[in-house]
N, C-alpha and C. Protein backbone atom coordinates (compact mmCIF):
# COMPACT_ATOMS: atom_id res chain seq x y z
N MET A 1 10.75 14.50 -64.18
CA MET A 1 9.40 14.00 -63.96
C MET A 1 9.43 12.50 -63.59
N MET A 2 10.26 11.74 -64.30
CA MET A 2 10.34 10.30 -64.05
C MET A 2 10.89 10.03 -62.65
N LYS A 3 11.85 10.85 -62.19
CA LYS A 3 12.39 10.69 -60.85
C LYS A 3 11.31 10.87 -59.80
N LYS A 4 10.45 11.87 -59.98
CA LYS A 4 9.37 12.14 -59.03
C LYS A 4 8.41 10.96 -58.95
N ILE A 5 8.11 10.36 -60.08
CA ILE A 5 7.20 9.21 -60.10
C ILE A 5 7.84 8.03 -59.36
N ILE A 6 9.11 7.78 -59.62
CA ILE A 6 9.80 6.66 -58.97
C ILE A 6 9.90 6.89 -57.46
N VAL A 7 10.26 8.10 -57.06
CA VAL A 7 10.35 8.42 -55.63
C VAL A 7 8.98 8.26 -54.96
N THR A 8 7.93 8.74 -55.62
CA THR A 8 6.57 8.60 -55.08
C THR A 8 6.19 7.14 -54.93
N MET A 9 6.51 6.31 -55.94
CA MET A 9 6.19 4.88 -55.88
C MET A 9 6.94 4.21 -54.73
N VAL A 10 8.22 4.56 -54.55
CA VAL A 10 9.01 3.97 -53.47
C VAL A 10 8.42 4.37 -52.12
N LEU A 11 8.03 5.63 -51.97
CA LEU A 11 7.43 6.09 -50.71
C LEU A 11 6.12 5.37 -50.42
N ILE A 12 5.28 5.22 -51.43
CA ILE A 12 3.99 4.52 -51.25
C ILE A 12 4.25 3.07 -50.85
N LEU A 13 5.18 2.42 -51.52
CA LEU A 13 5.51 1.04 -51.20
C LEU A 13 6.05 0.92 -49.78
N GLY A 14 6.89 1.87 -49.38
CA GLY A 14 7.44 1.87 -48.02
C GLY A 14 6.37 2.03 -46.97
N VAL A 15 5.41 2.90 -47.20
CA VAL A 15 4.30 3.09 -46.26
C VAL A 15 3.46 1.82 -46.17
N GLN A 16 3.17 1.21 -47.32
CA GLN A 16 2.39 -0.03 -47.33
C GLN A 16 3.09 -1.13 -46.56
N MET A 17 4.39 -1.26 -46.76
CA MET A 17 5.14 -2.32 -46.08
C MET A 17 5.24 -2.05 -44.58
N SER A 18 5.32 -0.78 -44.19
CA SER A 18 5.43 -0.47 -42.77
C SER A 18 4.13 -0.73 -42.04
N GLN A 19 3.01 -0.73 -42.74
CA GLN A 19 1.72 -0.99 -42.11
C GLN A 19 1.39 -2.47 -42.05
N ALA A 20 2.07 -3.28 -42.83
CA ALA A 20 1.83 -4.71 -42.82
C ALA A 20 2.31 -5.29 -41.49
N GLN A 21 1.46 -6.09 -40.86
CA GLN A 21 1.80 -6.69 -39.58
C GLN A 21 2.50 -8.02 -39.81
N THR A 22 3.59 -8.21 -39.12
CA THR A 22 4.26 -9.49 -39.12
C THR A 22 4.40 -9.93 -37.67
N VAL A 23 4.64 -11.19 -37.48
CA VAL A 23 4.84 -11.71 -36.13
C VAL A 23 6.06 -11.04 -35.51
N ASP A 24 7.14 -10.95 -36.26
CA ASP A 24 8.35 -10.31 -35.75
C ASP A 24 8.09 -8.85 -35.40
N GLY A 25 7.26 -8.18 -36.21
CA GLY A 25 6.93 -6.78 -35.95
C GLY A 25 6.18 -6.60 -34.64
N ILE A 26 5.23 -7.48 -34.37
CA ILE A 26 4.47 -7.40 -33.11
C ILE A 26 5.39 -7.70 -31.93
N ILE A 27 6.22 -8.72 -32.07
CA ILE A 27 7.14 -9.05 -30.99
C ILE A 27 8.09 -7.89 -30.73
N ARG A 28 8.65 -7.30 -31.81
CA ARG A 28 9.55 -6.15 -31.66
C ARG A 28 8.85 -4.98 -30.98
N GLU A 29 7.59 -4.74 -31.37
CA GLU A 29 6.86 -3.61 -30.82
C GLU A 29 6.61 -3.75 -29.32
N PHE A 30 6.27 -4.95 -28.88
CA PHE A 30 5.84 -5.11 -27.49
C PHE A 30 6.92 -5.64 -26.55
N ARG A 31 7.99 -6.23 -27.05
CA ARG A 31 9.00 -6.81 -26.15
C ARG A 31 9.75 -5.76 -25.35
N SER A 32 9.77 -4.53 -25.84
CA SER A 32 10.49 -3.47 -25.12
C SER A 32 9.61 -2.72 -24.13
N GLU A 33 8.34 -3.11 -24.04
CA GLU A 33 7.45 -2.46 -23.07
C GLU A 33 7.90 -2.82 -21.66
N GLU A 34 7.64 -1.90 -20.73
CA GLU A 34 8.00 -2.13 -19.33
C GLU A 34 7.25 -3.36 -18.81
N ASP A 35 7.96 -4.24 -18.15
CA ASP A 35 7.44 -5.48 -17.55
C ASP A 35 7.07 -6.56 -18.57
N ALA A 36 7.38 -6.36 -19.84
CA ALA A 36 7.14 -7.39 -20.84
C ALA A 36 8.26 -8.43 -20.74
N VAL A 37 7.92 -9.68 -20.99
CA VAL A 37 8.90 -10.76 -20.97
C VAL A 37 8.85 -11.44 -22.34
N CYS A 38 10.02 -11.51 -22.96
CA CYS A 38 10.13 -12.18 -24.26
C CYS A 38 11.25 -13.20 -24.16
N VAL A 39 10.90 -14.47 -24.35
CA VAL A 39 11.86 -15.55 -24.19
C VAL A 39 11.84 -16.42 -25.45
N LYS A 40 13.04 -16.75 -25.92
CA LYS A 40 13.16 -17.69 -27.04
C LYS A 40 13.89 -18.92 -26.55
N VAL A 41 13.30 -20.07 -26.81
CA VAL A 41 13.92 -21.35 -26.45
C VAL A 41 14.36 -22.00 -27.76
N PRO A 42 15.67 -22.07 -28.01
CA PRO A 42 16.16 -22.67 -29.26
C PRO A 42 16.03 -24.19 -29.26
N TRP A 43 16.43 -24.80 -30.35
CA TRP A 43 16.17 -26.22 -30.57
C TRP A 43 16.83 -27.14 -29.55
N LEU A 44 18.03 -26.85 -29.09
CA LEU A 44 18.72 -27.78 -28.18
C LEU A 44 17.97 -27.96 -26.86
N PRO A 45 17.60 -26.89 -26.15
CA PRO A 45 16.82 -27.10 -24.92
C PRO A 45 15.47 -27.78 -25.18
N VAL A 46 14.85 -27.47 -26.32
CA VAL A 46 13.58 -28.12 -26.65
C VAL A 46 13.80 -29.63 -26.80
N LYS A 47 14.85 -30.01 -27.50
CA LYS A 47 15.15 -31.44 -27.69
C LYS A 47 15.48 -32.12 -26.37
N LEU A 48 16.18 -31.42 -25.46
CA LEU A 48 16.49 -32.00 -24.15
C LEU A 48 15.23 -32.25 -23.34
N VAL A 49 14.29 -31.32 -23.41
CA VAL A 49 13.01 -31.52 -22.71
C VAL A 49 12.29 -32.74 -23.30
N GLY A 50 12.37 -32.89 -24.61
CA GLY A 50 11.74 -34.03 -25.28
C GLY A 50 12.25 -35.37 -24.80
N LEU A 51 13.51 -35.41 -24.36
CA LEU A 51 14.08 -36.66 -23.86
C LEU A 51 13.43 -37.12 -22.57
N PHE A 52 12.97 -36.15 -21.76
CA PHE A 52 12.41 -36.49 -20.45
C PHE A 52 10.89 -36.45 -20.42
N ALA A 53 10.27 -36.13 -21.52
CA ALA A 53 8.80 -36.05 -21.57
C ALA A 53 8.21 -37.45 -21.76
N ASP A 54 6.93 -37.58 -21.40
CA ASP A 54 6.26 -38.86 -21.62
C ASP A 54 6.11 -39.11 -23.12
N ASP A 55 5.64 -40.28 -23.48
CA ASP A 55 5.61 -40.69 -24.89
C ASP A 55 4.83 -39.72 -25.77
N GLU A 56 3.62 -39.34 -25.35
CA GLU A 56 2.78 -38.47 -26.18
C GLU A 56 3.39 -37.08 -26.33
N ALA A 57 3.81 -36.48 -25.23
CA ALA A 57 4.43 -35.14 -25.29
C ALA A 57 5.75 -35.21 -26.04
N GLY A 58 6.54 -36.24 -25.81
CA GLY A 58 7.82 -36.39 -26.48
C GLY A 58 7.66 -36.49 -27.99
N ARG A 59 6.58 -37.15 -28.41
CA ARG A 59 6.30 -37.29 -29.85
C ARG A 59 6.09 -35.92 -30.49
N VAL A 60 5.39 -35.03 -29.79
CA VAL A 60 5.14 -33.69 -30.30
C VAL A 60 6.41 -32.84 -30.22
N ILE A 61 7.10 -32.90 -29.10
CA ILE A 61 8.29 -32.07 -28.88
C ILE A 61 9.38 -32.38 -29.89
N ARG A 62 9.47 -33.62 -30.33
CA ARG A 62 10.49 -34.00 -31.33
C ARG A 62 10.34 -33.22 -32.63
N HIS A 63 9.14 -32.72 -32.90
CA HIS A 63 8.88 -32.00 -34.15
C HIS A 63 9.04 -30.48 -33.99
N ILE A 64 9.40 -30.01 -32.81
CA ILE A 64 9.54 -28.57 -32.55
C ILE A 64 11.00 -28.17 -32.62
N SER A 65 11.28 -27.06 -33.34
CA SER A 65 12.67 -26.59 -33.44
C SER A 65 12.93 -25.37 -32.56
N SER A 66 11.92 -24.54 -32.29
CA SER A 66 12.11 -23.41 -31.38
C SER A 66 10.76 -22.90 -30.90
N ILE A 67 10.81 -22.23 -29.76
CA ILE A 67 9.61 -21.64 -29.16
C ILE A 67 9.96 -20.23 -28.73
N ARG A 68 9.10 -19.28 -29.04
CA ARG A 68 9.27 -17.90 -28.57
C ARG A 68 7.97 -17.49 -27.90
N VAL A 69 8.10 -16.91 -26.70
CA VAL A 69 6.94 -16.49 -25.93
C VAL A 69 7.09 -15.01 -25.58
N LEU A 70 6.06 -14.25 -25.89
CA LEU A 70 5.96 -12.85 -25.49
C LEU A 70 4.85 -12.78 -24.46
N ASP A 71 5.20 -12.48 -23.22
CA ASP A 71 4.24 -12.44 -22.10
C ASP A 71 4.07 -11.00 -21.65
N LEU A 72 2.84 -10.51 -21.71
CA LEU A 72 2.55 -9.13 -21.33
C LEU A 72 1.66 -9.05 -20.09
N SER A 73 1.58 -10.13 -19.32
CA SER A 73 0.66 -10.18 -18.18
C SER A 73 1.01 -9.19 -17.08
N ASP A 74 2.28 -8.80 -16.96
CA ASP A 74 2.67 -7.84 -15.93
C ASP A 74 2.72 -6.40 -16.44
N CYS A 75 2.39 -6.21 -17.71
CA CYS A 75 2.41 -4.86 -18.30
C CYS A 75 1.18 -4.06 -17.87
N SER A 76 1.24 -2.77 -18.12
CA SER A 76 0.13 -1.88 -17.76
C SER A 76 -1.13 -2.25 -18.56
N GLN A 77 -2.25 -1.83 -18.04
CA GLN A 77 -3.53 -2.08 -18.70
C GLN A 77 -3.55 -1.47 -20.10
N GLN A 78 -2.91 -0.31 -20.24
CA GLN A 78 -2.85 0.39 -21.52
C GLN A 78 -2.10 -0.46 -22.57
N VAL A 79 -0.99 -1.05 -22.19
CA VAL A 79 -0.22 -1.90 -23.09
C VAL A 79 -1.03 -3.14 -23.45
N GLN A 80 -1.68 -3.74 -22.46
CA GLN A 80 -2.49 -4.92 -22.71
C GLN A 80 -3.65 -4.63 -23.66
N GLU A 81 -4.27 -3.47 -23.51
CA GLU A 81 -5.37 -3.09 -24.40
C GLU A 81 -4.87 -2.84 -25.82
N ARG A 82 -3.71 -2.23 -25.95
CA ARG A 82 -3.12 -2.00 -27.27
C ARG A 82 -2.79 -3.34 -27.94
N PHE A 83 -2.25 -4.27 -27.16
CA PHE A 83 -1.95 -5.60 -27.68
C PHE A 83 -3.24 -6.31 -28.12
N ALA A 84 -4.28 -6.22 -27.31
CA ALA A 84 -5.56 -6.84 -27.65
C ALA A 84 -6.11 -6.26 -28.96
N ALA A 85 -5.97 -4.95 -29.14
CA ALA A 85 -6.45 -4.31 -30.37
C ALA A 85 -5.65 -4.82 -31.57
N LYS A 86 -4.34 -4.95 -31.41
CA LYS A 86 -3.50 -5.48 -32.50
C LYS A 86 -3.90 -6.91 -32.84
N MET A 87 -4.14 -7.71 -31.82
CA MET A 87 -4.51 -9.10 -32.05
C MET A 87 -5.88 -9.21 -32.73
N GLU A 88 -6.80 -8.29 -32.41
CA GLU A 88 -8.13 -8.30 -33.00
C GLU A 88 -8.07 -8.03 -34.50
N GLN A 89 -7.20 -7.13 -34.92
CA GLN A 89 -7.14 -6.75 -36.33
C GLN A 89 -6.04 -7.47 -37.10
N LEU A 90 -5.39 -8.42 -36.45
CA LEU A 90 -4.25 -9.11 -37.05
C LEU A 90 -4.69 -10.01 -38.20
N LYS A 91 -4.09 -9.79 -39.35
CA LYS A 91 -4.30 -10.65 -40.51
C LYS A 91 -2.91 -10.97 -41.05
N LEU A 92 -2.49 -12.17 -40.85
CA LEU A 92 -1.13 -12.57 -41.22
C LEU A 92 -1.14 -13.26 -42.57
N GLU A 93 -0.33 -12.74 -43.48
CA GLU A 93 -0.23 -13.34 -44.80
C GLU A 93 0.58 -14.62 -44.71
N GLY A 94 0.07 -15.68 -45.32
CA GLY A 94 0.77 -16.95 -45.33
C GLY A 94 0.35 -17.87 -44.19
N TYR A 95 -0.47 -17.38 -43.27
CA TYR A 95 -0.93 -18.18 -42.14
C TYR A 95 -2.42 -18.51 -42.32
N GLU A 96 -2.79 -19.71 -41.91
CA GLU A 96 -4.18 -20.11 -41.95
C GLU A 96 -4.74 -20.10 -40.54
N PRO A 97 -5.95 -19.56 -40.35
CA PRO A 97 -6.54 -19.62 -39.01
C PRO A 97 -6.93 -21.06 -38.69
N LEU A 98 -6.54 -21.52 -37.50
CA LEU A 98 -6.85 -22.88 -37.07
C LEU A 98 -7.91 -22.90 -35.99
N LEU A 99 -7.91 -21.87 -35.14
CA LEU A 99 -8.84 -21.85 -34.01
C LEU A 99 -9.03 -20.41 -33.56
N VAL A 100 -10.29 -20.03 -33.34
CA VAL A 100 -10.62 -18.73 -32.77
C VAL A 100 -11.67 -18.96 -31.70
N VAL A 101 -11.35 -18.50 -30.49
CA VAL A 101 -12.28 -18.63 -29.38
C VAL A 101 -12.45 -17.25 -28.75
N LYS A 102 -13.71 -16.77 -28.69
CA LYS A 102 -13.99 -15.49 -28.05
C LYS A 102 -15.06 -15.74 -26.99
N ASP A 103 -14.81 -15.20 -25.80
CA ASP A 103 -15.74 -15.40 -24.70
C ASP A 103 -15.65 -14.23 -23.74
N ASP A 104 -16.69 -13.45 -23.62
CA ASP A 104 -16.77 -12.34 -22.67
C ASP A 104 -15.56 -11.42 -22.70
N GLY A 105 -15.17 -10.95 -23.87
CA GLY A 105 -14.07 -10.01 -23.97
C GLY A 105 -12.70 -10.64 -24.03
N SER A 106 -12.61 -11.95 -23.93
CA SER A 106 -11.33 -12.65 -24.01
C SER A 106 -11.24 -13.34 -25.37
N SER A 107 -10.02 -13.52 -25.83
CA SER A 107 -9.83 -14.09 -27.16
C SER A 107 -8.59 -14.96 -27.20
N VAL A 108 -8.72 -16.12 -27.81
CA VAL A 108 -7.59 -17.01 -28.09
C VAL A 108 -7.65 -17.32 -29.58
N LYS A 109 -6.54 -17.05 -30.26
CA LYS A 109 -6.48 -17.31 -31.70
C LYS A 109 -5.26 -18.16 -31.99
N MET A 110 -5.43 -19.08 -32.95
CA MET A 110 -4.33 -19.96 -33.34
C MET A 110 -4.25 -19.96 -34.87
N TRP A 111 -3.02 -19.72 -35.37
CA TRP A 111 -2.77 -19.73 -36.81
C TRP A 111 -1.67 -20.72 -37.12
N GLY A 112 -1.67 -21.23 -38.33
CA GLY A 112 -0.61 -22.12 -38.77
C GLY A 112 -0.06 -21.72 -40.12
N LYS A 113 1.23 -21.80 -40.27
CA LYS A 113 1.86 -21.60 -41.58
C LYS A 113 2.13 -22.99 -42.11
N MET A 114 1.42 -23.33 -43.17
CA MET A 114 1.42 -24.69 -43.67
C MET A 114 2.38 -24.88 -44.84
N LYS A 115 2.90 -26.09 -44.94
CA LYS A 115 3.65 -26.53 -46.12
C LYS A 115 3.21 -27.96 -46.37
N GLY A 116 2.29 -28.11 -47.29
CA GLY A 116 1.67 -29.41 -47.52
C GLY A 116 0.81 -29.76 -46.32
N GLU A 117 1.05 -30.93 -45.75
CA GLU A 117 0.31 -31.38 -44.57
C GLU A 117 0.98 -31.00 -43.26
N LYS A 118 2.14 -30.36 -43.35
CA LYS A 118 2.92 -30.01 -42.15
C LYS A 118 2.67 -28.57 -41.74
N ILE A 119 2.75 -28.33 -40.45
CA ILE A 119 2.67 -26.98 -39.90
C ILE A 119 4.11 -26.56 -39.59
N LYS A 120 4.60 -25.57 -40.32
CA LYS A 120 5.96 -25.10 -40.14
C LYS A 120 6.06 -24.10 -38.99
N GLU A 121 4.96 -23.38 -38.76
CA GLU A 121 4.95 -22.38 -37.70
C GLU A 121 3.54 -22.32 -37.12
N LEU A 122 3.46 -22.33 -35.81
CA LEU A 122 2.19 -22.26 -35.11
C LEU A 122 2.21 -21.03 -34.22
N LEU A 123 1.20 -20.18 -34.35
CA LEU A 123 1.07 -18.98 -33.52
C LEU A 123 -0.16 -19.10 -32.65
N ILE A 124 0.01 -18.74 -31.39
CA ILE A 124 -1.11 -18.72 -30.46
C ILE A 124 -1.13 -17.34 -29.82
N GLY A 125 -2.21 -16.62 -30.02
CA GLY A 125 -2.36 -15.29 -29.44
C GLY A 125 -3.46 -15.29 -28.40
N VAL A 126 -3.16 -14.78 -27.22
CA VAL A 126 -4.13 -14.72 -26.12
C VAL A 126 -4.25 -13.26 -25.72
N SER A 127 -5.48 -12.76 -25.66
CA SER A 127 -5.69 -11.38 -25.26
C SER A 127 -7.09 -11.24 -24.67
N GLY A 128 -7.33 -10.12 -24.04
CA GLY A 128 -8.66 -9.85 -23.52
C GLY A 128 -8.67 -9.58 -22.04
N ASP A 129 -9.89 -9.44 -21.51
CA ASP A 129 -10.10 -9.00 -20.14
C ASP A 129 -9.59 -9.99 -19.09
N ASP A 130 -9.94 -11.25 -19.23
CA ASP A 130 -9.65 -12.23 -18.18
C ASP A 130 -8.35 -12.99 -18.41
N ASN A 131 -7.75 -12.84 -19.56
CA ASN A 131 -6.55 -13.62 -19.90
C ASN A 131 -5.28 -12.84 -19.60
N GLU A 132 -4.22 -13.56 -19.52
CA GLU A 132 -2.90 -12.95 -19.43
C GLU A 132 -2.40 -12.86 -20.86
N PRO A 133 -2.28 -11.64 -21.42
CA PRO A 133 -1.95 -11.50 -22.84
C PRO A 133 -0.58 -12.08 -23.19
N ALA A 134 -0.57 -12.83 -24.29
CA ALA A 134 0.67 -13.47 -24.71
C ALA A 134 0.60 -13.80 -26.20
N LEU A 135 1.77 -13.92 -26.79
CA LEU A 135 1.90 -14.40 -28.15
C LEU A 135 2.96 -15.49 -28.12
N ILE A 136 2.58 -16.67 -28.59
CA ILE A 136 3.47 -17.82 -28.57
C ILE A 136 3.71 -18.25 -30.01
N ARG A 137 4.98 -18.41 -30.36
CA ARG A 137 5.35 -18.81 -31.71
C ARG A 137 6.16 -20.10 -31.62
N ILE A 138 5.64 -21.14 -32.25
CA ILE A 138 6.31 -22.43 -32.25
C ILE A 138 6.71 -22.77 -33.67
N LYS A 139 8.00 -22.97 -33.88
CA LYS A 139 8.50 -23.35 -35.20
C LYS A 139 8.88 -24.82 -35.16
N GLY A 140 8.66 -25.47 -36.27
CA GLY A 140 9.02 -26.87 -36.34
C GLY A 140 8.46 -27.53 -37.56
N ASN A 141 8.14 -28.78 -37.40
CA ASN A 141 7.63 -29.59 -38.49
C ASN A 141 6.49 -30.45 -37.92
N LEU A 142 5.45 -29.77 -37.45
CA LEU A 142 4.34 -30.44 -36.78
C LEU A 142 3.36 -31.02 -37.79
N ARG A 143 2.74 -32.11 -37.39
CA ARG A 143 1.65 -32.69 -38.18
C ARG A 143 0.34 -32.24 -37.54
N MET A 144 -0.71 -32.26 -38.32
CA MET A 144 -2.02 -31.90 -37.77
C MET A 144 -2.39 -32.84 -36.62
N ASP A 145 -1.94 -34.09 -36.68
CA ASP A 145 -2.21 -35.04 -35.60
C ASP A 145 -1.57 -34.59 -34.28
N ASP A 146 -0.51 -33.80 -34.37
CA ASP A 146 0.16 -33.32 -33.17
C ASP A 146 -0.67 -32.28 -32.44
N LEU A 147 -1.63 -31.68 -33.14
CA LEU A 147 -2.47 -30.65 -32.53
C LEU A 147 -3.73 -31.27 -31.97
N ASN A 148 -3.59 -31.93 -30.90
CA ASN A 148 -4.73 -32.50 -30.21
C ASN A 148 -4.91 -31.67 -28.96
N VAL A 149 -5.51 -30.50 -29.14
CA VAL A 149 -5.62 -29.53 -28.08
C VAL A 149 -7.01 -29.58 -27.49
N SER A 150 -7.09 -29.71 -26.20
CA SER A 150 -8.38 -29.74 -25.52
C SER A 150 -8.42 -28.65 -24.47
N MET A 151 -9.44 -27.83 -24.52
CA MET A 151 -9.64 -26.80 -23.52
C MET A 151 -10.91 -27.14 -22.76
N SER A 152 -10.81 -28.12 -21.88
CA SER A 152 -11.98 -28.65 -21.20
C SER A 152 -12.69 -27.60 -20.35
N GLU A 153 -11.94 -26.60 -19.87
CA GLU A 153 -12.54 -25.57 -19.05
C GLU A 153 -13.65 -24.84 -19.81
N ASN A 154 -13.45 -24.64 -21.11
CA ASN A 154 -14.42 -23.93 -21.94
C ASN A 154 -15.20 -24.88 -22.84
N ASN A 155 -15.05 -26.20 -22.63
CA ASN A 155 -15.70 -27.19 -23.46
C ASN A 155 -15.39 -27.02 -24.94
N ILE A 156 -14.15 -26.70 -25.23
CA ILE A 156 -13.70 -26.50 -26.60
C ILE A 156 -12.64 -27.55 -26.89
N THR A 157 -12.79 -28.23 -28.01
CA THR A 157 -11.81 -29.24 -28.37
C THR A 157 -11.43 -29.05 -29.83
N LEU A 158 -10.15 -29.06 -30.10
CA LEU A 158 -9.66 -29.07 -31.47
C LEU A 158 -8.88 -30.37 -31.62
N VAL A 159 -9.45 -31.28 -32.36
CA VAL A 159 -8.78 -32.54 -32.63
C VAL A 159 -8.63 -32.62 -34.12
N SER A 160 -7.43 -32.39 -34.61
CA SER A 160 -7.18 -32.39 -36.05
C SER A 160 -6.71 -33.75 -36.49
N GLY A 161 -6.95 -34.04 -37.74
CA GLY A 161 -6.46 -35.27 -38.32
C GLY A 161 -7.40 -36.45 -38.15
N GLU A 162 -8.58 -36.22 -37.59
CA GLU A 162 -9.54 -37.34 -37.44
C GLU A 162 -10.65 -37.20 -38.44
């Protein structure tokens, strides 16, 4: 009887864990789709780019250790819609929402994994009708001051640290 209870508990836990969404899980799920592009830029190329960037960009790049981009813009409409649905229901444990923009079926979401005042991981998810679907993961040691993002096309500004 005790074995049955333990086996049942392990199965329930396994099902719960398999349903939990992680960034790696989403990347793994969609990177193998036809026409999907998944690129990881490790710390050395990032640091080299920082050497040639202007002062403001170089200041931000110095705090980045790696960048991973999942681009689904060339994938089928079906894959893009599935990705958009995943992004809509995405709730990441340990991440704080920093920015959510929805406009006519398009969506841009930004999350941060914080450690004190530093952002250890920044996620940017783009999905919807007019956008090219993508998931961008930036790891590093960013400050909120580094996130001075302006989207003038949509009259949206996120200026943190002021």
